[in-house]
PDB file of N, CA and C in Angstrom:
ATOM      1  N   MET A   1     122.296 -35.028 -42.876  1.00  0.00           N
ATOM      2  CA  MET A   1     121.313 -35.512 -41.934  1.00  0.00           C
ATOM      3  C   MET A   1     122.043 -35.955 -40.669  1.00  0.00           C
ATOM      4  N   THR A   2     121.560 -35.484 -39.537  1.00  0.00           N
ATOM      5  CA  THR A   2     122.160 -35.880 -38.267  1.00  0.00           C
ATOM      6  C   THR A   2     121.670 -37.276 -37.871  1.00  0.00           C
ATOM      7  N   ASP A   3     122.369 -37.855 -36.923  1.00  0.00           N
ATOM      8  CA  ASP A   3     121.962 -39.173 -36.434  1.00  0.00           C
ATOM      9  C   ASP A   3     120.556 -39.129 -35.851  1.00  0.00           C
ATOM     10  N   LYS A   4     120.254 -38.064 -35.134  1.00  0.00           N
ATOM     11  CA  LYS A   4     118.934 -37.934 -34.507  1.00  0.00           C
ATOM     12  C   LYS A   4     117.836 -37.856 -35.571  1.00  0.00           C
ATOM     13  N   GLU A   5     118.073 -37.093 -36.635  1.00  0.00           N
ATOM     14  CA  GLU A   5     117.092 -36.989 -37.726  1.00  0.00           C
ATOM     15  C   GLU A   5     116.908 -38.332 -38.420  1.00  0.00           C
ATOM     16  N   PHE A   6     118.014 -39.067 -38.609  1.00  0.00           N
ATOM     17  CA  PHE A   6     117.939 -40.383 -39.246  1.00  0.00           C
ATOM     18  C   PHE A   6     117.100 -41.334 -38.406  1.00  0.00           C
ATOM     19  N   VAL A   7     117.354 -41.362 -37.106  1.00  0.00           N
ATOM     20  CA  VAL A   7     116.603 -42.254 -36.214  1.00  0.00           C
ATOM     21  C   VAL A   7     115.127 -41.878 -36.206  1.00  0.00           C
ATOM     22  N   CYS A   8     114.836 -40.593 -36.170  1.00  0.00           N
ATOM     23  CA  CYS A   8     113.438 -40.131 -36.187  1.00  0.00           C
ATOM     24  C   CYS A   8     112.748 -40.545 -37.490  1.00  0.00           C
ATOM     25  N   SER A   9     113.440 -40.368 -38.605  1.00  0.00           N
ATOM     26  CA  SER A   9     112.884 -40.753 -39.908  1.00  0.00           C
ATOM     27  C   SER A   9     112.661 -42.257 -39.986  1.00  0.00           C
ATOM     28  N   CYS A  10     113.611 -43.035 -39.484  1.00  0.00           N
ATOM     29  CA  CYS A  10     113.461 -44.497 -39.491  1.00  0.00           C
ATOM     30  C   CYS A  10     112.298 -44.925 -38.610  1.00  0.00           C
ATOM     31  N   ASN A  11     112.130 -44.259 -37.470  1.00  0.00           N
ATOM     32  CA  ASN A  11     111.006 -44.591 -36.585  1.00  0.00           C
ATOM     33  C   ASN A  11     109.674 -44.312 -37.264  1.00  0.00           C
ATOM     34  N   LYS A  12     109.581 -43.205 -37.998  1.00  0.00           N
ATOM     35  CA  LYS A  12     108.341 -42.902 -38.730  1.00  0.00           C
ATOM     36  C   LYS A  12     108.088 -43.960 -39.795  1.00  0.00           C
ATOM     37  N   ALA A  13     109.134 -44.332 -40.533  1.00  0.00           N
ATOM     38  CA  ALA A  13     108.994 -45.354 -41.572  1.00  0.00           C
ATOM     39  C   ALA A  13     108.562 -46.684 -40.953  1.00  0.00           C
ATOM     40  N   PHE A  14     109.124 -47.020 -39.788  1.00  0.00           N
ATOM     41  CA  PHE A  14     108.751 -48.265 -39.135  1.00  0.00           C
ATOM     42  C   PHE A  14     107.288 -48.239 -38.703  1.00  0.00           C
ATOM     43  N   GLU A  15     106.807 -47.099 -38.244  1.00  0.00           N
ATOM     44  CA  GLU A  15     105.389 -46.971 -37.877  1.00  0.00           C
ATOM     45  C   GLU A  15     104.500 -47.223 -39.094  1.00  0.00           C
ATOM     46  N   TYR A  16     104.900 -46.700 -40.248  1.00  0.00           N
ATOM     47  CA  TYR A  16     104.134 -46.944 -41.479  1.00  0.00           C
ATOM     48  C   TYR A  16     104.181 -48.421 -41.852  1.00  0.00           C
ATOM     49  N   SER A  17     105.335 -49.072 -41.614  1.00  0.00           N
ATOM     50  CA  SER A  17     105.448 -50.489 -41.956  1.00  0.00           C
ATOM     51  C   SER A  17     104.561 -51.342 -41.061  1.00  0.00           C
ATOM     52  N   LYS A  18     104.276 -50.879 -39.843  1.00  0.00           N
ATOM     53  CA  LYS A  18     103.360 -51.615 -38.966  1.00  0.00           C
ATOM     54  C   LYS A  18     101.936 -51.586 -39.524  1.00  0.00           C
ATOM     55  N   VAL A  19     101.546 -50.452 -40.100  1.00  0.00           N
ATOM     56  CA  VAL A  19     100.231 -50.353 -40.743  1.00  0.00           C
ATOM     57  C   VAL A  19     100.183 -51.323 -41.924  1.00  0.00           C
ATOM     58  N   PHE A  20     101.272 -51.371 -42.686  1.00  0.00           N
ATOM     59  CA  PHE A  20     101.391 -52.304 -43.807  1.00  0.00           C
ATOM     60  C   PHE A  20     101.254 -53.743 -43.298  1.00  0.00           C
ATOM     61  N   PHE A  21     101.950 -54.066 -42.199  1.00  0.00           N
ATOM     62  CA  PHE A  21     101.898 -55.407 -41.626  1.00  0.00           C
ATOM     63  C   PHE A  21     100.478 -55.787 -41.229  1.00  0.00           C
ATOM     64  N   ASN A  22      99.770 -54.849 -40.618  1.00  0.00           N
ATOM     65  CA  ASN A  22      98.390 -55.137 -40.194  1.00  0.00           C
ATOM     66  C   ASN A  22      97.490 -55.472 -41.375  1.00  0.00           C
ATOM     67  N   HIS A  23      97.810 -54.937 -42.545  1.00  0.00           N
ATOM     68  CA  HIS A  23      96.995 -55.204 -43.730  1.00  0.00           C
ATOM     69  C   HIS A  23      97.430 -56.481 -44.456  1.00  0.00           C
ATOM     70  N   PHE A  24      98.747 -56.630 -44.693  1.00  0.00           N
ATOM     71  CA  PHE A  24      99.251 -57.730 -45.518  1.00  0.00           C
ATOM     72  C   PHE A  24      99.725 -58.945 -44.721  1.00  0.00           C
ATOM     73  N   GLY A  25     100.022 -58.776 -43.448  1.00  0.00           N
ATOM     74  CA  GLY A  25     100.459 -59.909 -42.635  1.00  0.00           C
ATOM     75  C   GLY A  25     101.954 -60.169 -42.672  1.00  0.00           C
ATOM     76  N   TYR A  26     102.727 -59.295 -43.260  1.00  0.00           N
ATOM     77  CA  TYR A  26     104.189 -59.381 -43.250  1.00  0.00           C
ATOM     78  C   TYR A  26     104.753 -57.966 -43.353  1.00  0.00           C
ATOM     79  N   PHE A  27     105.989 -57.802 -42.891  1.00  0.00           N
ATOM     80  CA  PHE A  27     106.625 -56.490 -42.945  1.00  0.00           C
ATOM     81  C   PHE A  27     107.248 -56.254 -44.306  1.00  0.00           C
ATOM     82  N   CYS A  28     107.229 -55.010 -44.743  1.00  0.00           N
ATOM     83  CA  CYS A  28     107.884 -54.626 -45.993  1.00  0.00           C
ATOM     84  C   CYS A  28     109.300 -54.141 -45.688  1.00  0.00           C
ATOM     85  N   GLU A  29     110.115 -54.109 -46.715  1.00  0.00           N
ATOM     86  CA  GLU A  29     111.467 -53.572 -46.568  1.00  0.00           C
ATOM     87  C   GLU A  29     111.394 -52.073 -46.308  1.00  0.00           C
ATOM     88  N   LEU A  30     112.250 -51.592 -45.437  1.00  0.00           N
ATOM     89  CA  LEU A  30     112.327 -50.158 -45.171  1.00  0.00           C
ATOM     90  C   LEU A  30     113.393 -49.537 -46.069  1.00  0.00           C
ATOM     91  N   PRO A  31     113.148 -48.326 -46.553  1.00  0.00           N
ATOM     92  CA  PRO A  31     114.085 -47.680 -47.495  1.00  0.00           C
ATOM     93  C   PRO A  31     115.220 -46.937 -46.782  1.00  0.00           C
ATOM     94  N   TYR A  32     116.084 -47.676 -46.078  1.00  0.00           N
ATOM     95  CA  TYR A  32     117.153 -47.039 -45.300  1.00  0.00           C
ATOM     96  C   TYR A  32     118.072 -46.179 -46.163  1.00  0.00           C
ATOM     97  N   THR A  33     118.492 -46.681 -47.303  1.00  0.00           N
ATOM     98  CA  THR A  33     119.401 -45.927 -48.172  1.00  0.00           C
ATOM     99  C   THR A  33     118.746 -44.634 -48.640  1.00  0.00           C
ATOM    100  N   ALA A  34     117.494 -44.712 -49.030  1.00  0.00           N
ATOM    101  CA  ALA A  34     116.777 -43.514 -49.468  1.00  0.00           C
ATOM    102  C   ALA A  34     116.634 -42.523 -48.322  1.00  0.00           C
ATOM    103  N   ILE A  35     116.389 -43.021 -47.117  1.00  0.00           N
ATOM    104  CA  ILE A  35     116.257 -42.133 -45.966  1.00  0.00           C
ATOM    105  C   ILE A  35     117.578 -41.418 -45.698  1.00  0.00           C
ATOM    106  N   ILE A  36     118.685 -42.136 -45.823  1.00  0.00           N
ATOM    107  CA  ILE A  36     119.996 -41.510 -45.629  1.00  0.00           C
ATOM    108  C   ILE A  36     120.206 -40.406 -46.647  1.00  0.00           C
ATOM    109  N   ASN A  37     119.851 -40.674 -47.904  1.00  0.00           N
ATOM    110  CA  ASN A  37     120.114 -39.717 -48.981  1.00  0.00           C
ATOM    111  C   ASN A  37     119.084 -38.594 -49.070  1.00  0.00           C
ATOM    112  N   LEU A  38     117.818 -38.902 -48.825  1.00  0.00           N
ATOM    113  CA  LEU A  38     116.752 -37.920 -49.056  1.00  0.00           C
ATOM    114  C   LEU A  38     116.015 -37.477 -47.796  1.00  0.00           C
ATOM    115  N   GLY A  39     116.211 -38.175 -46.707  1.00  0.00           N
ATOM    116  CA  GLY A  39     115.600 -37.788 -45.440  1.00  0.00           C
ATOM    117  C   GLY A  39     114.085 -37.826 -45.453  1.00  0.00           C
ATOM    118  N   LYS A  40     113.482 -36.694 -45.067  1.00  0.00           N
ATOM    119  CA  LYS A  40     112.023 -36.621 -44.918  1.00  0.00           C
ATOM    120  C   LYS A  40     111.294 -36.886 -46.227  1.00  0.00           C
ATOM    121  N   ASP A  41     111.902 -36.522 -47.349  1.00  0.00           N
ATOM    122  CA  ASP A  41     111.260 -36.781 -48.645  1.00  0.00           C
ATOM    123  C   ASP A  41     111.100 -38.279 -48.885  1.00  0.00           C
ATOM    124  N   ALA A  42     112.099 -39.074 -48.487  1.00  0.00           N
ATOM    125  CA  ALA A  42     112.022 -40.522 -48.658  1.00  0.00           C
ATOM    126  C   ALA A  42     110.936 -41.112 -47.768  1.00  0.00           C
ATOM    127  N   VAL A  43     110.813 -40.591 -46.562  1.00  0.00           N
ATOM    128  CA  VAL A  43     109.784 -41.086 -45.647  1.00  0.00           C
ATOM    129  C   VAL A  43     108.392 -40.742 -46.189  1.00  0.00           C
ATOM    130  N   ALA A  44     108.244 -39.549 -46.734  1.00  0.00           N
ATOM    131  CA  ALA A  44     106.958 -39.146 -47.315  1.00  0.00           C
ATOM    132  C   ALA A  44     106.603 -40.037 -48.507  1.00  0.00           C
ATOM    133  N   GLU A  45     107.588 -40.335 -49.347  1.00  0.00           N
ATOM    134  CA  GLU A  45     107.343 -41.224 -50.497  1.00  0.00           C
ATOM    135  C   GLU A  45     106.984 -42.629 -50.013  1.00  0.00           C
ATOM    136  N   PHE A  46     107.685 -43.109 -48.984  1.00  0.00           N
ATOM    137  CA  PHE A  46     107.411 -44.425 -48.419  1.00  0.00           C
ATOM    138  C   PHE A  46     105.977 -44.481 -47.895  1.00  0.00           C
ATOM    139  N   LYS A  47     105.551 -43.438 -47.181  1.00  0.00           N
ATOM    140  CA  LYS A  47     104.183 -43.381 -46.670  1.00  0.00           C
ATOM    141  C   LYS A  47     103.174 -43.425 -47.812  1.00  0.00           C
ATOM    142  N   ASN A  48     103.453 -42.696 -48.884  1.00  0.00           N
ATOM    143  CA  ASN A  48     102.545 -42.701 -50.039  1.00  0.00           C
ATOM    144  C   ASN A  48     102.444 -44.095 -50.663  1.00  0.00           C
ATOM    145  N   ILE A  49     103.568 -44.793 -50.751  1.00  0.00           N
ATOM    146  CA  ILE A  49     103.569 -46.145 -51.325  1.00  0.00           C
ATOM    147  C   ILE A  49     102.811 -47.105 -50.421  1.00  0.00           C
ATOM    148  N   ILE A  50     102.987 -46.971 -49.109  1.00  0.00           N
ATOM    149  CA  ILE A  50     102.244 -47.823 -48.166  1.00  0.00           C
ATOM    150  C   ILE A  50     100.742 -47.557 -48.302  1.00  0.00           C
ATOM    151  N   ASP A  51     100.368 -46.281 -48.330  1.00  0.00           N
ATOM    152  CA  ASP A  51      98.946 -45.932 -48.467  1.00  0.00           C
ATOM    153  C   ASP A  51      98.361 -46.472 -49.767  1.00  0.00           C
ATOM    154  N   LYS A  52      99.101 -46.332 -50.864  1.00  0.00           N
ATOM    155  CA  LYS A  52      98.637 -46.824 -52.160  1.00  0.00           C
ATOM    156  C   LYS A  52      98.521 -48.350 -52.150  1.00  0.00           C
ATOM    157  N   SER A  53      99.488 -49.015 -51.533  1.00  0.00           N
ATOM    158  CA  SER A  53      99.463 -50.482 -51.450  1.00  0.00           C
ATOM    159  C   SER A  53      98.214 -50.957 -50.713  1.00  0.00           C
ATOM    160  N   ILE A  54      97.907 -50.298 -49.608  1.00  0.00           N
ATOM    161  CA  ILE A  54      96.741 -50.693 -48.819  1.00  0.00           C
ATOM    162  C   ILE A  54      95.451 -50.378 -49.570  1.00  0.00           C
ATOM    163  N   THR A  55      95.380 -49.210 -50.186  1.00  0.00           N
ATOM    164  CA  THR A  55      94.180 -48.821 -50.934  1.00  0.00           C
ATOM    165  C   THR A  55      93.917 -49.775 -52.092  1.00  0.00           C
ATOM    166  N   ASP A  56      94.975 -50.126 -52.844  1.00  0.00           N
ATOM    167  CA  ASP A  56      94.834 -50.997 -54.007  1.00  0.00           C
ATOM    168  C   ASP A  56      94.906 -52.482 -53.653  1.00  0.00           C
ATOM    169  N   ASN A  57      95.212 -52.788 -52.393  1.00  0.00           N
ATOM    170  CA  ASN A  57      95.419 -54.165 -51.945  1.00  0.00           C
ATOM    171  C   ASN A  57      96.460 -54.885 -52.811  1.00  0.00           C
ATOM    172  N   TYR A  58      97.530 -54.170 -53.109  1.00  0.00           N
ATOM    173  CA  TYR A  58      98.632 -54.708 -53.905  1.00  0.00           C
ATOM    174  C   TYR A  58      99.933 -54.186 -53.301  1.00  0.00           C
ATOM    175  N   ASP A  59     100.900 -55.045 -53.134  1.00  0.00           N
ATOM    176  CA  ASP A  59     102.162 -54.673 -52.500  1.00  0.00           C
ATOM    177  C   ASP A  59     103.120 -54.029 -53.505  1.00  0.00           C
ATOM    178  N   TYR A  60     103.137 -52.703 -53.554  1.00  0.00           N
ATOM    179  CA  TYR A  60     104.040 -51.970 -54.436  1.00  0.00           C
ATOM    180  C   TYR A  60     105.468 -51.935 -53.896  1.00  0.00           C
ATOM    181  N   THR A  61     105.668 -52.321 -52.633  1.00  0.00           N
ATOM    182  CA  THR A  61     107.014 -52.302 -52.069  1.00  0.00           C
ATOM    183  C   THR A  61     107.883 -53.427 -52.631  1.00  0.00           C
ATOM    184  N   ILE A  62     107.251 -54.425 -53.229  1.00  0.00           N
ATOM    185  CA  ILE A  62     108.019 -55.511 -53.850  1.00  0.00           C
ATOM    186  C   ILE A  62     108.902 -54.940 -54.951  1.00  0.00           C
ATOM    187  N   GLU A  63     108.312 -54.123 -55.818  1.00  0.00           N
ATOM    188  CA  GLU A  63     109.047 -53.540 -56.942  1.00  0.00           C
ATOM    189  C   GLU A  63     109.956 -52.400 -56.497  1.00  0.00           C
ATOM    190  N   LYS A  64     109.480 -51.584 -55.572  1.00  0.00           N
ATOM    191  CA  LYS A  64     110.206 -50.372 -55.182  1.00  0.00           C
ATOM    192  C   LYS A  64     111.350 -50.646 -54.216  1.00  0.00           C
ATOM    193  N   TYR A  65     111.123 -51.497 -53.214  1.00  0.00           N
ATOM    194  CA  TYR A  65     112.109 -51.698 -52.158  1.00  0.00           C
ATOM    195  C   TYR A  65     112.624 -53.133 -52.048  1.00  0.00           C
ATOM    196  N   GLY A  66     112.103 -54.042 -52.847  1.00  0.00           N
ATOM    197  CA  GLY A  66     112.588 -55.424 -52.818  1.00  0.00           C
ATOM    198  C   GLY A  66     111.999 -56.276 -51.715  1.00  0.00           C
ATOM    199  N   THR A  67     110.809 -55.941 -51.266  1.00  0.00           N
ATOM    200  CA  THR A  67     110.143 -56.757 -50.246  1.00  0.00           C
ATOM    201  C   THR A  67     109.922 -58.160 -50.787  1.00  0.00           C
ATOM    202  N   ILE A  68     110.165 -59.146 -49.945  1.00  0.00           N
ATOM    203  CA  ILE A  68     109.894 -60.541 -50.302  1.00  0.00           C
ATOM    204  C   ILE A  68     108.726 -60.997 -49.434  1.00  0.00           C
ATOM    205  N   PRO A  69     107.536 -61.129 -50.041  1.00  0.00           N
ATOM    206  CA  PRO A  69     106.366 -61.510 -49.246  1.00  0.00           C
ATOM    207  C   PRO A  69     106.470 -62.935 -48.724  1.00  0.00           C
ATOM    208  N   LEU A  70     105.856 -63.154 -47.577  1.00  0.00           N
ATOM    209  CA  LEU A  70     105.797 -64.498 -47.017  1.00  0.00           C
ATOM    210  C   LEU A  70     104.808 -65.331 -47.805  1.00  0.00           C
ATOM    211  N   PRO A  71     105.052 -66.627 -47.910  1.00  0.00           N
ATOM    212  CA  PRO A  71     104.076 -67.484 -48.599  1.00  0.00           C
ATOM    213  C   PRO A  71     102.775 -67.550 -47.812  1.00  0.00           C
ATOM    214  N   LYS A  72     101.680 -67.764 -48.520  1.00  0.00           N
ATOM    215  CA  LYS A  72     100.377 -67.891 -47.895  1.00  0.00           C
ATOM    216  C   LYS A  72     100.316 -69.193 -47.095  1.00  0.00           C
ATOM    217  N   GLY A  73      99.507 -69.200 -46.071  1.00  0.00           N
ATOM    218  CA  GLY A  73      99.316 -70.406 -45.285  1.00  0.00           C
ATOM    219  C   GLY A  73      99.962 -70.302 -43.919  1.00  0.00           C
ATOM    220  N   ASP A  74      99.943 -71.392 -43.212  1.00  0.00           N
ATOM    221  CA  ASP A  74     100.457 -71.452 -41.861  1.00  0.00           C
ATOM    222  C   ASP A  74     101.979 -71.491 -41.893  1.00  0.00           C
ATOM    223  N   SER A  75     102.618 -70.648 -41.094  1.00  0.00           N
ATOM    224  CA  SER A  75     104.082 -70.617 -41.083  1.00  0.00           C
ATOM    225  C   SER A  75     104.680 -71.908 -40.569  1.00  0.00           C
ATOM    226  N   ASN A  76     103.893 -72.724 -39.855  1.00  0.00           N
ATOM    227  CA  ASN A  76     104.378 -74.021 -39.402  1.00  0.00           C
ATOM    228  C   ASN A  76     104.508 -75.022 -40.537  1.00  0.00           C
ATOM    229  N   ASP A  77     103.899 -74.702 -41.681  1.00  0.00           N
ATOM    230  CA  ASP A  77     103.971 -75.597 -42.831  1.00  0.00           C
ATOM    231  C   ASP A  77     105.189 -75.351 -43.701  1.00  0.00           C
ATOM    232  N   ILE A  78     105.960 -74.302 -43.405  1.00  0.00           N
ATOM    233  CA  ILE A  78     107.136 -73.970 -44.211  1.00  0.00           C
ATOM    234  C   ILE A  78     108.246 -74.974 -43.897  1.00  0.00           C
ATOM    235  N   LEU A  79     108.740 -75.604 -44.919  1.00  0.00           N
ATOM    236  CA  LEU A  79     109.808 -76.585 -44.760  1.00  0.00           C
ATOM    237  C   LEU A  79     111.140 -75.966 -45.116  1.00  0.00           C
ATOM    238  N   ILE A  80     112.141 -76.274 -44.343  1.00  0.00           N
ATOM    239  CA  ILE A  80     113.499 -75.803 -44.638  1.00  0.00           C
ATOM    240  C   ILE A  80     114.258 -76.992 -45.180  1.00  0.00           C
ATOM    241  N   ASP A  81     114.780 -76.818 -46.366  1.00  0.00           N
ATOM    242  CA  ASP A  81     115.473 -77.916 -47.041  1.00  0.00           C
ATOM    243  C   ASP A  81     116.935 -77.897 -46.720  1.00  0.00           C
TER     244      ASP A  81
END
């Protein structure tokens, strides 16, 4: 995979993550390693997982990519210990 193809694939994945953000209110992890190894196939799988997550209203990226969802509520209420 060339650098240009990698950047294009990452940009497509990021566009899908924006759709995910609009639904769930936080960004999911992007599959950079998979994109490096599988290219367009990884992006297609990522899109399918995003679509399924939105359809089912369940974040499948937690299990697949290690997304850590933000806690519910106002972000100003988050305390740092």
